[in-house]
């Protein structure tokens, strides 16, 4: 009986070992391929329970999550001849586990290949753009092109999808910073001089237009004043003519009084004969 029990226990242990070796589970954040004698014998397996030949086949698991990688610093020349030092990071994932295993096998082996590809794509794009474009609003568009180029290469060669490439920091080499700052200061001063010159030119134009408008307004005002004055003089002449035609003697008398008022000022002495026409309105006693 003891031997029989031992045999049963041994058989149960063997059955459990075979069962545990035959079935395996792939987690939700994983994919896997079945290997036999060092060669893959299955395509990428989806999450869940799967079967393999015990003791003959084994399973290689791959992470399907998006992974982060800090790329090495790169000295890159821009289109306008500047040298900048770029710190970047890469987000990537394994999309073709079979190709990935055949080419690089592990994540650690994939990182140098990934870094070289991203570095090449980064240089390719930065060389086509100026420094202001790289550090300004065009950076996102440049990084999208870098991501597309890197994904095209890594998918074809290693089964890797580059999800995103971003520049964390863009610095100038220390020996070039002073020259660049001095050049930037010179450019800003030149722009300031240009703005001042444009302002003076516009001020001159505005003053000239104001002077011209002033001259036109004054000339029009003088013309209107002359027209009004001429009209008034004509009216005066008409009134005098009407008065003369209606009462010539009274008109003559009033004109004489006006002449007296204008001619006989203070301390004015005039010697006239008694029969002078000027004195005809004065009644002189003998």
Protein backbone atom coordinates (compact mmCIF):
# COMPACT_ATOMS: atom_id res chain seq x y z
CA UNK A 1 0.00 0.00 0.00
CA UNK A 2 2.78 2.39 0.79
CA UNK A 3 4.38 1.80 -2.60
CA UNK A 4 1.06 2.37 -4.30
CA UNK A 5 0.54 5.64 -2.48
CA UNK A 6 4.02 6.76 -3.33
CA UNK A 7 3.40 5.96 -6.98
CA UNK A 8 0.18 7.94 -6.96
CA UNK A 9 1.93 10.91 -5.37
CA UNK A 10 4.72 10.71 -7.91
CA UNK A 11 2.23 10.54 -10.76
CA UNK A 12 0.33 13.52 -9.36
CA UNK A 13 3.53 15.51 -9.07
CA UNK A 14 4.50 14.61 -12.61
CA UNK A 15 1.01 15.51 -13.86
CA UNK A 16 1.13 18.83 -12.06
CA UNK A 17 4.58 19.57 -13.48
CA UNK A 18 3.42 18.67 -16.99
CA UNK A 19 0.27 20.74 -16.57
CA UNK A 20 2.16 23.74 -15.25
CA UNK A 21 4.62 23.47 -18.12
CA UNK A 22 1.92 23.01 -20.76
CA UNK A 23 -0.28 25.99 -19.85
CA UNK A 24 0.72 29.60 -19.36
CA UNK A 25 -0.99 33.00 -19.04
CA UNK A 26 -0.28 36.25 -20.84
CA UNK A 27 -1.15 39.39 -18.83
CA UNK A 28 -3.14 42.32 -20.22
CA UNK A 29 -0.01 44.49 -20.51
CA UNK A 30 1.97 41.76 -22.28
CA UNK A 31 2.28 39.78 -25.45
CA UNK A 32 4.32 36.60 -25.95
CA UNK A 33 5.77 34.22 -28.48
CA UNK A 34 6.42 30.49 -28.04
CA UNK A 35 10.00 29.34 -28.64
CA UNK A 36 11.25 25.85 -29.50
CA UNK A 37 14.95 25.08 -29.69
CA UNK A 38 15.71 28.80 -29.93
CA UNK A 39 13.32 29.48 -32.80
CA UNK A 40 9.87 31.10 -32.58
CA UNK A 41 7.02 28.73 -33.44
CA UNK A 42 4.10 31.11 -32.91
CA UNK A 43 3.01 34.62 -33.73
CA UNK A 44 2.36 37.24 -31.05
CA UNK A 45 -0.10 35.89 -28.50
CA UNK A 46 -2.91 37.97 -27.08
CA UNK A 47 -3.62 38.21 -23.33
CA UNK A 48 -5.19 35.10 -21.78
CA UNK A 49 -4.43 31.39 -21.24
CA UNK A 50 -2.40 29.44 -23.83
CA UNK A 51 -0.91 25.98 -24.34
CA UNK A 52 2.63 24.87 -25.26
CA UNK A 53 4.54 21.63 -25.33
CA UNK A 54 5.99 21.03 -21.88
CA UNK A 55 9.76 20.92 -21.43
CA UNK A 56 10.29 21.39 -25.19
CA UNK A 57 8.89 24.86 -25.71
CA UNK A 58 9.24 27.99 -23.61
CA UNK A 59 7.65 31.45 -23.69
CA UNK A 60 9.24 34.87 -24.18
CA UNK A 61 7.17 37.77 -22.88
CA UNK A 62 7.16 41.35 -24.19
CA UNK A 63 5.81 44.49 -22.56
CA UNK A 64 3.09 46.14 -24.69
CA UNK A 65 2.96 49.36 -22.66
CA UNK A 66 4.42 52.65 -23.83
CA UNK A 67 8.01 52.86 -22.58
CA UNK A 68 10.17 55.91 -21.91
CA UNK A 69 13.76 56.39 -22.90
CA UNK A 70 16.10 59.31 -22.23
CA UNK A 71 18.03 59.85 -25.46
CA UNK A 72 21.65 60.91 -25.36
CA UNK A 73 22.58 64.56 -25.75
CA UNK A 74 23.14 65.58 -29.35
CA UNK A 75 25.19 68.44 -30.82
CA UNK A 76 23.27 69.48 -33.92
CA UNK A 77 23.88 72.15 -36.57
CA UNK A 78 20.88 74.26 -37.58
CA UNK A 79 20.10 75.64 -41.03
CA UNK A 80 21.42 79.11 -40.08
CA UNK A 81 24.79 77.71 -38.96
CA UNK A 82 24.15 77.55 -35.20
CA UNK A 83 25.23 74.63 -33.02
CA UNK A 84 22.76 73.60 -30.32
CA UNK A 85 22.87 70.86 -27.70
CA UNK A 86 19.58 68.95 -27.54
CA UNK A 87 18.28 66.87 -24.64
CA UNK A 88 15.38 64.71 -25.79
CA UNK A 89 13.27 61.81 -24.63
CA UNK A 90 11.53 59.05 -26.60
CA UNK A 91 8.27 57.20 -25.92
CA UNK A 92 8.11 53.86 -27.71
CA UNK A 93 6.44 50.46 -27.75
CA UNK A 94 6.95 46.98 -29.21
CA UNK A 95 4.50 46.51 -32.10
CA UNK A 96 5.96 43.43 -33.83
CA UNK A 97 7.27 41.07 -31.10
CA UNK A 98 8.48 38.47 -33.60
CA UNK A 99 10.61 40.93 -35.56
CA UNK A 100 11.72 42.54 -32.32
CA UNK A 101 12.95 39.21 -30.94
CA UNK A 102 14.72 38.25 -34.16
CA UNK A 103 16.61 41.56 -34.38
CA UNK A 104 17.30 42.81 -30.84
CA UNK A 105 15.75 40.17 -28.50
CA UNK A 106 15.58 42.37 -25.36
CA UNK A 107 14.67 45.92 -24.41
CA UNK A 108 18.21 46.67 -23.25
CA UNK A 109 19.56 45.62 -26.64
CA UNK A 110 16.91 47.73 -28.38
CA UNK A 111 17.81 51.01 -26.68
CA UNK A 112 21.11 51.68 -28.53
CA UNK A 113 19.44 50.94 -31.88
CA UNK A 114 16.50 53.15 -30.96
CA UNK A 115 18.83 55.94 -29.87
CA UNK A 116 20.79 55.82 -33.15
CA UNK A 117 17.62 55.97 -35.24
CA UNK A 118 16.10 58.84 -33.29
CA UNK A 119 19.41 60.70 -33.32
CA UNK A 120 19.61 60.36 -37.11
CA UNK A 121 16.01 61.56 -37.59
CA UNK A 122 16.60 64.46 -35.20
CA UNK A 123 19.69 65.63 -37.08
CA UNK A 124 17.86 65.24 -40.40
CA UNK A 125 15.09 67.63 -39.33
CA UNK A 126 17.07 70.12 -37.27
CA UNK A 127 19.50 70.63 -40.16
CA UNK A 128 16.56 71.85 -42.24
CA UNK A 129 15.39 74.52 -39.76
CA UNK A 130 16.82 77.66 -38.19
CA UNK A 131 17.42 78.16 -34.47
CA UNK A 132 14.39 80.49 -33.98
CA UNK A 133 12.15 77.90 -35.64
CA UNK A 134 13.42 75.14 -33.35
CA UNK A 135 12.97 77.09 -30.11
CA UNK A 136 9.66 78.72 -31.12
CA UNK A 137 6.21 77.52 -32.14
CA UNK A 138 7.45 75.31 -35.00
CA UNK A 139 9.06 72.83 -32.61
CA UNK A 140 5.93 70.64 -32.41
CA UNK A 141 5.77 70.26 -36.18
CA UNK A 142 9.49 69.42 -36.31
CA UNK A 143 9.11 66.79 -33.59
CA UNK A 144 6.16 65.21 -35.42
CA UNK A 145 8.37 64.79 -38.49
CA UNK A 146 11.16 63.32 -36.34
CA UNK A 147 8.68 60.85 -34.82
CA UNK A 148 7.38 59.82 -38.25
CA UNK A 149 10.91 59.27 -39.61
CA UNK A 150 12.03 57.30 -36.55
CA UNK A 151 8.91 55.10 -36.59
CA UNK A 152 9.37 54.35 -40.29
CA UNK A 153 12.91 53.09 -39.67
CA UNK A 154 12.39 51.25 -36.38
CA UNK A 155 9.19 49.51 -37.50
CA UNK A 156 10.89 48.24 -40.64
CA UNK A 157 14.05 47.06 -38.90
CA UNK A 158 13.12 46.22 -35.31
CA UNK A 159 9.32 46.10 -34.98
CA UNK A 160 9.36 49.18 -32.72
CA UNK A 161 6.86 52.04 -32.91
CA UNK A 162 8.18 55.44 -31.84
CA UNK A 163 5.15 57.07 -30.24
CA UNK A 164 6.64 60.47 -29.53
CA UNK A 165 9.94 62.35 -29.56
CA UNK A 166 10.26 65.57 -27.59
CA UNK A 167 13.04 68.06 -26.90
CA UNK A 168 13.38 68.64 -23.17
CA UNK A 169 16.03 71.30 -23.45
CA UNK A 170 17.91 73.12 -26.19
CA UNK A 171 21.14 74.85 -25.14
CA UNK A 172 23.91 76.60 -26.92
CA UNK A 173 27.47 75.38 -26.46
CA UNK A 174 29.13 77.45 -23.75
CA UNK A 175 31.75 78.86 -26.12
CA UNK A 176 29.05 80.13 -28.49
CA UNK A 177 26.64 81.66 -25.99
CA UNK A 178 28.44 84.97 -25.62
CA UNK A 179 28.71 85.44 -29.39
CA UNK A 180 25.06 84.58 -29.87
CA UNK A 181 23.95 86.92 -27.09
CA UNK A 182 26.06 89.72 -28.55
CA UNK A 183 24.60 89.09 -31.99
CA UNK A 184 21.09 89.05 -30.58
CA UNK A 185 21.76 92.36 -28.79
CA UNK A 186 23.04 93.90 -32.03
CA UNK A 187 19.96 92.67 -33.89
CA UNK A 188 17.65 94.14 -31.26
CA UNK A 189 19.48 97.49 -31.38
CA UNK A 190 19.22 97.53 -35.15
CA UNK A 191 15.51 96.82 -34.94
CA UNK A 192 15.13 99.61 -32.34
CA UNK A 193 16.89 102.08 -34.66
CA UNK A 194 14.67 100.98 -37.51
CA UNK A 195 11.55 101.47 -35.38
CA UNK A 196 12.72 104.95 -34.35
CA UNK A 197 13.46 105.90 -37.95
CA UNK A 198 10.05 104.64 -39.04
CA UNK A 199 8.45 106.65 -36.22
CA UNK A 200 10.25 109.85 -37.26
CA UNK A 201 9.28 109.32 -40.89
CA UNK A 202 5.66 108.77 -39.97
CA UNK A 203 5.75 111.85 -37.69
CA UNK A 204 7.10 113.95 -40.58
CA UNK A 205 4.34 112.67 -42.86
CA UNK A 206 1.69 113.44 -40.23
CA UNK A 207 3.08 116.96 -39.67
CA UNK A 208 3.20 117.62 -43.42
CA UNK A 209 -0.39 116.48 -43.80
CA UNK A 210 -1.44 118.63 -40.82
CA UNK A 211 0.34 121.71 -42.28
CA UNK A 212 -1.27 121.11 -45.65
CA UNK A 213 -4.72 120.75 -44.08
CA UNK A 214 -4.08 123.92 -42.05
CA UNK A 215 -3.09 125.90 -45.15
CA UNK A 216 -6.16 124.64 -47.02
CA UNK A 217 -8.50 125.49 -44.15
CA UNK A 218 -6.99 129.00 -43.72
CA UNK A 219 -7.15 129.68 -47.45
CA UNK A 220 -10.77 128.56 -47.63
CA UNK A 221 -11.60 130.69 -44.57
CA UNK A 222 -9.94 133.77 -46.12
CA UNK A 223 -11.77 133.19 -49.39
CA UNK A 224 -15.07 132.94 -47.55
CA UNK A 225 -14.24 136.08 -45.54
CA UNK A 226 -13.38 138.00 -48.72
CA UNK A 227 -16.62 136.83 -50.32
CA UNK A 228 -18.61 137.90 -47.26
CA UNK A 229 -16.77 141.24 -47.11
CA UNK A 230 -17.37 141.90 -50.81
CA UNK A 231 -21.02 141.04 -50.37
CA UNK A 232 -21.24 143.41 -47.39
CA UNK A 233 -19.52 146.24 -49.33
CA UNK A 234 -21.93 145.71 -52.18
CA UNK A 235 -24.82 145.86 -49.75
CA UNK A 236 -23.43 149.11 -48.26
CA UNK A 237 -23.12 150.64 -51.71
CA UNK A 238 -26.67 149.57 -52.51
CA UNK A 239 -27.98 151.10 -49.27
CA UNK A 240 -26.11 154.34 -49.95
CA UNK A 241 -27.45 154.40 -53.49
CA UNK A 242 -30.99 153.87 -52.26
CA UNK A 243 -30.57 156.63 -49.66
CA UNK A 244 -29.11 159.01 -52.26
CA UNK A 245 -31.94 158.35 -54.68
CA UNK A 246 -34.62 158.90 -52.03
CA UNK A 247 -33.17 161.91 -50.13
CA UNK A 248 -30.12 163.34 -51.89
CA UNK A 249 -29.99 166.47 -49.72
CA UNK A 250 -30.17 164.53 -46.46
CA UNK A 251 -27.54 162.14 -47.81
CA UNK A 252 -25.30 165.08 -48.66
CA UNK A 253 -25.83 166.53 -45.21
CA UNK A 254 -24.92 163.25 -43.50
CA UNK A 255 -21.84 162.85 -45.62
CA UNK A 256 -20.79 166.39 -44.67
CA UNK A 257 -21.20 165.61 -40.99
CA UNK A 258 -19.05 162.55 -41.46
CA UNK A 259 -16.44 164.68 -43.18
CA UNK A 260 -16.52 167.18 -40.31
CA UNK A 261 -16.13 164.38 -37.77
CA UNK A 262 -13.13 162.99 -39.59
CA UNK A 263 -11.54 166.33 -40.46
CA UNK A 264 -12.03 168.36 -37.30
CA UNK A 265 -10.08 166.50 -34.64
CA UNK A 266 -8.87 167.89 -31.30
CA UNK A 267 -6.65 170.95 -31.64
CA UNK A 268 -7.28 171.12 -35.38
CA UNK A 269 -7.14 174.55 -36.91
CA UNK A 270 -8.38 175.18 -40.47
CA UNK A 271 -8.64 178.55 -42.14
CA UNK A 272 -11.39 178.70 -44.75
CA UNK A 273 -13.07 181.58 -46.55
CA UNK A 274 -16.64 182.14 -45.59
CA UNK A 275 -17.90 181.07 -48.98
CA UNK A 276 -16.17 177.66 -48.83
CA UNK A 277 -18.46 174.74 -49.80
CA UNK A 278 -17.35 173.03 -46.65
CA UNK A 279 -19.12 175.64 -44.53
CA UNK A 280 -22.35 175.79 -46.45
CA UNK A 281 -24.22 173.93 -43.71
CA UNK A 282 -23.02 176.42 -41.06
CA UNK A 283 -25.14 179.58 -40.59
CA UNK A 284 -22.68 182.45 -39.97
CA UNK A 285 -23.81 185.74 -38.54
CA UNK A 286 -22.62 189.02 -39.99
